[in-house]
Amino acid sequence: MNWDAIGATGEWAGAIGVIVTLAYLAIQIRQSGRSTTFAVIQAGREERLAWFKSNRDSPYLAPIIIKLRAGEALSEEEGFRLGQHHSAVWGFVYSQWVQRELGLAGRFATLDSSAFNVVSNTPGSSDWFKQFGEEIYPKEFCEYIETWMKLAKA
């Protein structure tokens, strides 16, 4: 065998090594993407579960909602607690929206109508958003919410 043949064989082996390495990296990147998506989905589910548990276990929220539905006035403390509740509700919806916008939740994303129903079940939530939403959230999210508010009225 001459040196040219040995060099050609070495180049051939090197090219195969590069192809195998690229294939391996492609598989690793794909698996990493799946792991990230799963972590985002899991975090969203845990966030949702924690949210519902906090609503269920709050000694303050149910009496406030009952008073509002009965048309009764809230005390200053109750009004403050309700405002904080609205802040948390909209933060939760915003978190879900961001995940969807980034494409992280994929086909497992929470339905838009589901997220909006969570918000609209609390009296005064829409009013809170109209008052503070544009100061807190990006324009795209506010437009998204305005669209849902219009659909809810229709």
N, C-alpha and C. Protein backbone atom coordinates (compact mmCIF):
# COMPACT_ATOMS: atom_id res chain seq x y z
N MET A 1 0.84 -1.18 0.00
CA MET A 1 0.00 0.00 0.00
C MET A 1 0.89 1.26 0.00
N ASN A 2 0.50 2.24 -0.78
CA ASN A 2 1.30 3.45 -0.82
C ASN A 2 0.70 4.51 0.11
N TRP A 3 1.42 5.60 0.24
CA TRP A 3 0.99 6.65 1.18
C TRP A 3 -0.29 7.33 0.73
N ASP A 4 -0.51 7.41 -0.54
CA ASP A 4 -1.75 8.02 -1.03
C ASP A 4 -2.97 7.19 -0.63
N ALA A 5 -2.85 5.89 -0.72
CA ALA A 5 -3.96 5.00 -0.33
C ALA A 5 -4.21 5.09 1.16
N ILE A 6 -3.14 5.14 1.94
CA ILE A 6 -3.29 5.26 3.40
C ILE A 6 -3.95 6.59 3.74
N GLY A 7 -3.55 7.67 3.07
CA GLY A 7 -4.15 8.99 3.32
C GLY A 7 -5.62 9.01 2.94
N ALA A 8 -5.96 8.40 1.81
CA ALA A 8 -7.36 8.35 1.37
C ALA A 8 -8.20 7.55 2.36
N THR A 9 -7.66 6.45 2.86
CA THR A 9 -8.38 5.64 3.84
C THR A 9 -8.60 6.43 5.13
N GLY A 10 -7.58 7.17 5.53
CA GLY A 10 -7.70 8.01 6.73
C GLY A 10 -8.76 9.10 6.56
N GLU A 11 -8.77 9.72 5.39
CA GLU A 11 -9.78 10.75 5.12
C GLU A 11 -11.18 10.14 5.10
N TRP A 12 -11.31 8.96 4.52
CA TRP A 12 -12.60 8.25 4.48
C TRP A 12 -13.07 7.93 5.90
N ALA A 13 -12.17 7.42 6.72
CA ALA A 13 -12.52 7.09 8.11
C ALA A 13 -12.89 8.36 8.88
N GLY A 14 -12.18 9.45 8.63
CA GLY A 14 -12.50 10.72 9.29
C GLY A 14 -13.86 11.23 8.89
N ALA A 15 -14.21 11.13 7.61
CA ALA A 15 -15.52 11.58 7.13
C ALA A 15 -16.63 10.77 7.76
N ILE A 16 -16.43 9.46 7.87
CA ILE A 16 -17.44 8.60 8.52
C ILE A 16 -17.58 8.99 9.99
N GLY A 17 -16.46 9.27 10.64
CA GLY A 17 -16.50 9.70 12.04
C GLY A 17 -17.28 11.00 12.22
N VAL A 18 -17.10 11.94 11.31
CA VAL A 18 -17.84 13.21 11.37
C VAL A 18 -19.33 12.96 11.19
N ILE A 19 -19.70 12.13 10.24
CA ILE A 19 -21.12 11.82 9.99
C ILE A 19 -21.75 11.15 11.21
N VAL A 20 -21.05 10.20 11.80
CA VAL A 20 -21.56 9.51 12.99
C VAL A 20 -21.72 10.51 14.15
N THR A 21 -20.74 11.39 14.31
CA THR A 21 -20.81 12.40 15.38
C THR A 21 -21.99 13.34 15.17
N LEU A 22 -22.19 13.80 13.94
CA LEU A 22 -23.32 14.68 13.65
C LEU A 22 -24.67 13.99 13.90
N ALA A 23 -24.76 12.73 13.52
CA ALA A 23 -25.99 11.98 13.77
C ALA A 23 -26.24 11.86 15.27
N TYR A 24 -25.19 11.57 16.02
CA TYR A 24 -25.32 11.45 17.48
C TYR A 24 -25.76 12.79 18.08
N LEU A 25 -25.16 13.89 17.65
CA LEU A 25 -25.53 15.21 18.16
C LEU A 25 -26.98 15.55 17.82
N ALA A 26 -27.43 15.18 16.63
CA ALA A 26 -28.82 15.44 16.24
C ALA A 26 -29.78 14.70 17.17
N ILE A 27 -29.46 13.46 17.49
CA ILE A 27 -30.29 12.67 18.41
C ILE A 27 -30.29 13.30 19.79
N GLN A 28 -29.13 13.74 20.27
CA GLN A 28 -29.03 14.36 21.59
C GLN A 28 -29.83 15.66 21.65
N ILE A 29 -29.75 16.46 20.60
CA ILE A 29 -30.49 17.72 20.57
C ILE A 29 -31.99 17.45 20.58
N ARG A 30 -32.42 16.47 19.84
CA ARG A 30 -33.85 16.13 19.81
C ARG A 30 -34.32 15.68 21.20
N GLN A 31 -33.54 14.83 21.83
CA GLN A 31 -33.92 14.36 23.17
C GLN A 31 -33.89 15.50 24.18
N SER A 32 -32.95 16.40 24.05
CA SER A 32 -32.89 17.56 24.94
C SER A 32 -34.13 18.43 24.77
N GLY A 33 -34.56 18.63 23.52
CA GLY A 33 -35.77 19.40 23.26
C GLY A 33 -36.99 18.75 23.88
N ARG A 34 -37.08 17.45 23.78
CA ARG A 34 -38.21 16.73 24.40
C ARG A 34 -38.17 16.88 25.92
N SER A 35 -36.99 16.78 26.49
CA SER A 35 -36.86 16.93 27.95
C SER A 35 -37.28 18.32 28.40
N THR A 36 -36.88 19.33 27.63
CA THR A 36 -37.27 20.70 27.95
C THR A 36 -38.78 20.88 27.86
N THR A 37 -39.37 20.36 26.81
CA THR A 37 -40.82 20.45 26.65
C THR A 37 -41.53 19.77 27.81
N PHE A 38 -41.07 18.59 28.18
CA PHE A 38 -41.68 17.88 29.30
C PHE A 38 -41.55 18.68 30.58
N ALA A 39 -40.38 19.27 30.82
CA ALA A 39 -40.17 20.06 32.04
C ALA A 39 -41.11 21.26 32.07
N VAL A 40 -41.31 21.91 30.93
CA VAL A 40 -42.21 23.05 30.87
C VAL A 40 -43.64 22.61 31.14
N ILE A 41 -44.05 21.52 30.54
CA ILE A 41 -45.41 21.01 30.75
C ILE A 41 -45.60 20.65 32.21
N GLN A 42 -44.63 19.97 32.78
CA GLN A 42 -44.73 19.56 34.19
C GLN A 42 -44.79 20.79 35.11
N ALA A 43 -43.95 21.78 34.82
CA ALA A 43 -43.96 23.00 35.64
C ALA A 43 -45.31 23.71 35.54
N GLY A 44 -45.88 23.75 34.32
CA GLY A 44 -47.20 24.36 34.15
C GLY A 44 -48.28 23.62 34.92
N ARG A 45 -48.22 22.31 34.89
CA ARG A 45 -49.20 21.50 35.63
C ARG A 45 -49.05 21.73 37.14
N GLU A 46 -47.81 21.77 37.61
CA GLU A 46 -47.58 22.00 39.04
C GLU A 46 -48.03 23.40 39.45
N GLU A 47 -47.78 24.37 38.58
CA GLU A 47 -48.23 25.74 38.85
C GLU A 47 -49.75 25.79 38.94
N ARG A 48 -50.41 25.13 38.00
CA ARG A 48 -51.88 25.10 38.00
C ARG A 48 -52.42 24.42 39.25
N LEU A 49 -51.84 23.29 39.60
CA LEU A 49 -52.28 22.56 40.78
C LEU A 49 -52.09 23.40 42.05
N ALA A 50 -50.94 24.04 42.17
CA ALA A 50 -50.68 24.90 43.33
C ALA A 50 -51.68 26.05 43.38
N TRP A 51 -51.99 26.59 42.20
CA TRP A 51 -52.95 27.69 42.13
C TRP A 51 -54.33 27.25 42.64
N PHE A 52 -54.82 26.13 42.13
CA PHE A 52 -56.14 25.66 42.56
C PHE A 52 -56.17 25.28 44.03
N LYS A 53 -55.09 24.70 44.52
CA LYS A 53 -55.02 24.36 45.94
C LYS A 53 -55.02 25.62 46.80
N SER A 54 -54.30 26.64 46.35
CA SER A 54 -54.27 27.88 47.14
C SER A 54 -55.65 28.53 47.18
N ASN A 55 -56.37 28.46 46.07
CA ASN A 55 -57.74 29.00 46.07
C ASN A 55 -58.64 28.18 46.98
N ARG A 56 -58.50 26.88 46.90
CA ARG A 56 -59.33 25.99 47.71
C ARG A 56 -59.05 26.19 49.20
N ASP A 57 -57.79 26.35 49.56
CA ASP A 57 -57.41 26.38 50.97
C ASP A 57 -57.39 27.78 51.58
N SER A 58 -57.61 28.79 50.78
CA SER A 58 -57.58 30.15 51.31
C SER A 58 -58.78 30.40 52.22
N PRO A 59 -58.53 30.83 53.45
CA PRO A 59 -59.66 31.15 54.32
C PRO A 59 -60.31 32.49 53.96
N TYR A 60 -59.69 33.24 53.07
CA TYR A 60 -60.17 34.57 52.72
C TYR A 60 -60.95 34.63 51.42
N LEU A 61 -60.51 33.86 50.45
CA LEU A 61 -61.04 34.02 49.10
C LEU A 61 -62.53 33.69 48.98
N ALA A 62 -62.94 32.55 49.49
CA ALA A 62 -64.35 32.16 49.34
C ALA A 62 -65.30 33.20 49.94
N PRO A 63 -65.07 33.69 51.16
CA PRO A 63 -65.98 34.71 51.70
C PRO A 63 -66.01 35.99 50.86
N ILE A 64 -64.86 36.36 50.28
CA ILE A 64 -64.81 37.56 49.44
C ILE A 64 -65.64 37.35 48.17
N ILE A 65 -65.47 36.20 47.54
CA ILE A 65 -66.22 35.91 46.31
C ILE A 65 -67.72 35.85 46.61
N ILE A 66 -68.08 35.23 47.71
CA ILE A 66 -69.49 35.13 48.10
C ILE A 66 -70.08 36.52 48.32
N LYS A 67 -69.33 37.39 48.99
CA LYS A 67 -69.80 38.77 49.21
C LYS A 67 -69.99 39.49 47.87
N LEU A 68 -69.04 39.33 46.98
CA LEU A 68 -69.14 40.00 45.68
C LEU A 68 -70.36 39.51 44.90
N ARG A 69 -70.55 38.21 44.90
CA ARG A 69 -71.69 37.66 44.16
C ARG A 69 -73.02 38.08 44.76
N ALA A 70 -73.03 38.37 46.06
CA ALA A 70 -74.25 38.83 46.73
C ALA A 70 -74.42 40.34 46.60
N GLY A 71 -73.42 41.01 45.99
CA GLY A 71 -73.51 42.45 45.81
C GLY A 71 -73.14 43.24 47.05
N GLU A 72 -72.49 42.61 48.01
CA GLU A 72 -72.09 43.29 49.24
C GLU A 72 -70.75 44.00 49.05
N ALA A 73 -70.57 45.07 49.79
CA ALA A 73 -69.32 45.83 49.73
C ALA A 73 -68.22 45.08 50.48
N LEU A 74 -66.99 45.24 50.00
CA LEU A 74 -65.85 44.61 50.66
C LEU A 74 -65.18 45.60 51.59
N SER A 75 -64.59 45.08 52.66
CA SER A 75 -63.80 45.93 53.54
C SER A 75 -62.51 46.30 52.80
N GLU A 76 -61.77 47.24 53.35
CA GLU A 76 -60.50 47.64 52.72
C GLU A 76 -59.54 46.45 52.64
N GLU A 77 -59.49 45.66 53.69
CA GLU A 77 -58.61 44.49 53.70
C GLU A 77 -59.06 43.47 52.64
N GLU A 78 -60.36 43.24 52.54
CA GLU A 78 -60.86 42.30 51.54
C GLU A 78 -60.57 42.79 50.12
N GLY A 79 -60.71 44.10 49.92
CA GLY A 79 -60.41 44.68 48.61
C GLY A 79 -58.94 44.49 48.26
N PHE A 80 -58.07 44.67 49.24
CA PHE A 80 -56.64 44.45 49.02
C PHE A 80 -56.37 42.98 48.67
N ARG A 81 -56.95 42.08 49.43
CA ARG A 81 -56.75 40.65 49.16
C ARG A 81 -57.26 40.27 47.77
N LEU A 82 -58.40 40.82 47.39
CA LEU A 82 -58.95 40.53 46.07
C LEU A 82 -58.02 41.06 44.98
N GLY A 83 -57.47 42.25 45.18
CA GLY A 83 -56.52 42.80 44.22
C GLY A 83 -55.30 41.91 44.05
N GLN A 84 -54.80 41.38 45.16
CA GLN A 84 -53.66 40.47 45.10
C GLN A 84 -54.05 39.17 44.41
N HIS A 85 -55.26 38.74 44.64
CA HIS A 85 -55.76 37.53 43.96
C HIS A 85 -55.80 37.76 42.45
N HIS A 86 -56.32 38.91 42.03
CA HIS A 86 -56.37 39.22 40.60
C HIS A 86 -54.96 39.27 40.01
N SER A 87 -54.02 39.85 40.74
CA SER A 87 -52.63 39.89 40.27
C SER A 87 -52.11 38.48 40.03
N ALA A 88 -52.39 37.59 40.95
CA ALA A 88 -51.94 36.20 40.81
C ALA A 88 -52.64 35.50 39.65
N VAL A 89 -53.94 35.74 39.50
CA VAL A 89 -54.69 35.11 38.41
C VAL A 89 -54.11 35.52 37.07
N TRP A 90 -53.92 36.82 36.88
CA TRP A 90 -53.40 37.29 35.60
C TRP A 90 -51.96 36.84 35.39
N GLY A 91 -51.18 36.75 36.46
CA GLY A 91 -49.82 36.22 36.34
C GLY A 91 -49.83 34.78 35.87
N PHE A 92 -50.79 34.01 36.37
CA PHE A 92 -50.94 32.62 35.96
C PHE A 92 -51.30 32.52 34.48
N VAL A 93 -52.25 33.32 34.04
CA VAL A 93 -52.67 33.31 32.64
C VAL A 93 -51.51 33.77 31.75
N TYR A 94 -50.78 34.78 32.20
CA TYR A 94 -49.64 35.28 31.43
C TYR A 94 -48.57 34.19 31.28
N SER A 95 -48.31 33.48 32.34
CA SER A 95 -47.33 32.39 32.30
C SER A 95 -47.73 31.34 31.27
N GLN A 96 -48.99 30.97 31.24
CA GLN A 96 -49.48 30.00 30.26
C GLN A 96 -49.35 30.54 28.84
N TRP A 97 -49.66 31.82 28.67
CA TRP A 97 -49.57 32.45 27.35
C TRP A 97 -48.12 32.47 26.85
N VAL A 98 -47.19 32.83 27.73
CA VAL A 98 -45.78 32.88 27.34
C VAL A 98 -45.30 31.50 26.89
N GLN A 99 -45.65 30.47 27.64
CA GLN A 99 -45.24 29.12 27.27
C GLN A 99 -45.79 28.75 25.88
N ARG A 100 -47.03 29.12 25.63
CA ARG A 100 -47.64 28.83 24.34
C ARG A 100 -46.95 29.63 23.23
N GLU A 101 -46.70 30.92 23.49
CA GLU A 101 -46.06 31.77 22.49
C GLU A 101 -44.65 31.28 22.15
N LEU A 102 -43.95 30.74 23.12
CA LEU A 102 -42.60 30.23 22.89
C LEU A 102 -42.61 28.84 22.25
N GLY A 103 -43.80 28.26 22.17
CA GLY A 103 -43.93 26.93 21.57
C GLY A 103 -43.41 25.83 22.47
N LEU A 104 -43.32 26.11 23.76
CA LEU A 104 -42.75 25.12 24.68
C LEU A 104 -43.74 24.05 25.10
N ALA A 105 -45.00 24.39 25.15
CA ALA A 105 -45.98 23.42 25.63
C ALA A 105 -46.50 22.52 24.52
N GLY A 106 -46.29 22.92 23.27
CA GLY A 106 -46.70 22.10 22.14
C GLY A 106 -48.18 21.77 22.17
N ARG A 107 -48.50 20.57 21.77
CA ARG A 107 -49.91 20.18 21.68
C ARG A 107 -50.54 19.97 23.06
N PHE A 108 -49.75 20.05 24.11
CA PHE A 108 -50.25 19.86 25.47
C PHE A 108 -50.59 21.18 26.15
N ALA A 109 -50.56 22.27 25.42
CA ALA A 109 -50.84 23.59 25.99
C ALA A 109 -52.26 23.65 26.53
N THR A 110 -52.43 24.44 27.57
CA THR A 110 -53.75 24.69 28.12
C THR A 110 -54.57 25.42 27.05
N LEU A 111 -55.82 25.04 26.92
CA LEU A 111 -56.69 25.72 25.96
C LEU A 111 -56.89 27.17 26.36
N ASP A 112 -56.92 28.05 25.37
CA ASP A 112 -57.16 29.46 25.65
C ASP A 112 -58.45 29.66 26.42
N SER A 113 -59.50 28.97 25.99
CA SER A 113 -60.80 29.13 26.63
C SER A 113 -60.76 28.67 28.08
N SER A 114 -59.99 27.66 28.36
CA SER A 114 -59.85 27.16 29.73
C SER A 114 -59.19 28.19 30.63
N ALA A 115 -58.09 28.77 30.14
CA ALA A 115 -57.39 29.78 30.93
C ALA A 115 -58.28 30.99 31.16
N PHE A 116 -59.01 31.40 30.14
CA PHE A 116 -59.85 32.57 30.29
C PHE A 116 -61.03 32.29 31.22
N ASN A 117 -61.55 31.07 31.22
CA ASN A 117 -62.64 30.72 32.13
C ASN A 117 -62.19 30.80 33.59
N VAL A 118 -60.94 30.42 33.85
CA VAL A 118 -60.40 30.53 35.22
C VAL A 118 -60.46 31.99 35.66
N VAL A 119 -60.06 32.88 34.77
CA VAL A 119 -60.03 34.30 35.09
C VAL A 119 -61.42 34.87 35.25
N SER A 120 -62.29 34.56 34.33
CA SER A 120 -63.61 35.19 34.33
C SER A 120 -64.51 34.70 35.46
N ASN A 121 -64.12 33.66 36.16
CA ASN A 121 -64.93 33.17 37.28
C ASN A 121 -64.79 34.03 38.53
N THR A 122 -63.83 34.92 38.56
CA THR A 122 -63.65 35.78 39.71
C THR A 122 -64.21 37.16 39.40
N PRO A 123 -65.21 37.59 40.11
CA PRO A 123 -65.79 38.91 39.85
C PRO A 123 -64.74 40.01 39.96
N GLY A 124 -64.77 40.91 39.02
CA GLY A 124 -63.86 42.05 39.03
C GLY A 124 -62.53 41.81 38.36
N SER A 125 -62.30 40.58 37.91
CA SER A 125 -61.01 40.25 37.31
C SER A 125 -60.78 41.03 36.02
N SER A 126 -61.79 41.12 35.18
CA SER A 126 -61.67 41.87 33.93
C SER A 126 -61.43 43.35 34.20
N ASP A 127 -62.11 43.88 35.21
CA ASP A 127 -61.92 45.28 35.57
C ASP A 127 -60.48 45.53 36.04
N TRP A 128 -59.96 44.60 36.82
CA TRP A 128 -58.58 44.72 37.30
C TRP A 128 -57.62 44.77 36.10
N PHE A 129 -57.86 43.88 35.13
CA PHE A 129 -56.97 43.84 33.97
C PHE A 129 -57.05 45.13 33.18
N LYS A 130 -58.26 45.66 33.00
CA LYS A 130 -58.41 46.91 32.26
C LYS A 130 -57.68 48.05 32.96
N GLN A 131 -57.65 48.02 34.29
CA GLN A 131 -57.00 49.08 35.05
C GLN A 131 -55.48 48.94 35.07
N PHE A 132 -54.97 47.72 35.24
CA PHE A 132 -53.53 47.52 35.45
C PHE A 132 -52.81 46.75 34.35
N GLY A 133 -53.55 46.03 33.52
CA GLY A 133 -52.94 45.12 32.56
C GLY A 133 -51.91 45.75 31.65
N GLU A 134 -52.26 46.89 31.05
CA GLU A 134 -51.34 47.52 30.10
C GLU A 134 -50.09 48.06 30.77
N GLU A 135 -50.16 48.33 32.07
CA GLU A 135 -48.98 48.80 32.79
C GLU A 135 -48.02 47.64 33.12
N ILE A 136 -48.56 46.44 33.20
CA ILE A 136 -47.78 45.30 33.66
C ILE A 136 -47.33 44.40 32.52
N TYR A 137 -48.21 44.14 31.58
CA TYR A 137 -47.96 43.12 30.56
C TYR A 137 -47.65 43.71 29.20
N PRO A 138 -46.97 42.94 28.34
CA PRO A 138 -46.65 43.43 26.99
C PRO A 138 -47.90 43.60 26.13
N LYS A 139 -47.76 44.44 25.13
CA LYS A 139 -48.87 44.78 24.24
C LYS A 139 -49.51 43.54 23.63
N GLU A 140 -48.72 42.57 23.20
CA GLU A 140 -49.25 41.38 22.54
C GLU A 140 -50.17 40.59 23.47
N PHE A 141 -49.79 40.49 24.73
CA PHE A 141 -50.62 39.78 25.69
C PHE A 141 -51.92 40.54 25.94
N CYS A 142 -51.83 41.85 26.06
CA CYS A 142 -53.03 42.66 26.28
C CYS A 142 -54.00 42.54 25.10
N GLU A 143 -53.47 42.52 23.89
CA GLU A 143 -54.32 42.34 22.71
C GLU A 143 -54.98 40.97 22.73
N TYR A 144 -54.23 39.97 23.13
CA TYR A 144 -54.76 38.60 23.26
C TYR A 144 -55.93 38.58 24.25
N ILE A 145 -55.76 39.22 25.39
CA ILE A 145 -56.81 39.24 26.42
C ILE A 145 -58.01 40.04 25.92
N GLU A 146 -57.78 41.16 25.28
CA GLU A 146 -58.89 41.96 24.75
C GLU A 146 -59.72 41.16 23.76
N THR A 147 -59.05 40.36 22.94
CA THR A 147 -59.77 39.50 22.00
C THR A 147 -60.66 38.52 22.74
N TRP A 148 -60.12 37.92 23.80
CA TRP A 148 -60.92 36.96 24.58
C TRP A 148 -62.07 37.64 25.30
N MET A 149 -61.85 38.85 25.78
CA MET A 149 -62.93 39.58 26.45
C MET A 149 -64.06 39.87 25.46
N LYS A 150 -63.71 40.23 24.23
CA LYS A 150 -64.73 40.49 23.20
C LYS A 150 -65.49 39.21 22.87
N LEU A 151 -64.78 38.09 22.78
CA LEU A 151 -65.44 36.82 22.49
C LEU A 151 -66.38 36.41 23.63
N ALA A 152 -65.99 36.71 24.85
CA ALA A 152 -66.83 36.36 26.00
C ALA A 152 -68.12 37.15 26.01
N LYS A 153 -68.06 38.39 25.54
CA LYS A 153 -69.26 39.24 25.50
C LYS A 153 -70.20 38.85 24.35
N ALA A 154 -69.64 38.26 23.31
CA ALA A 154 -70.44 37.93 22.11
C ALA A 154 -71.36 36.75 22.35
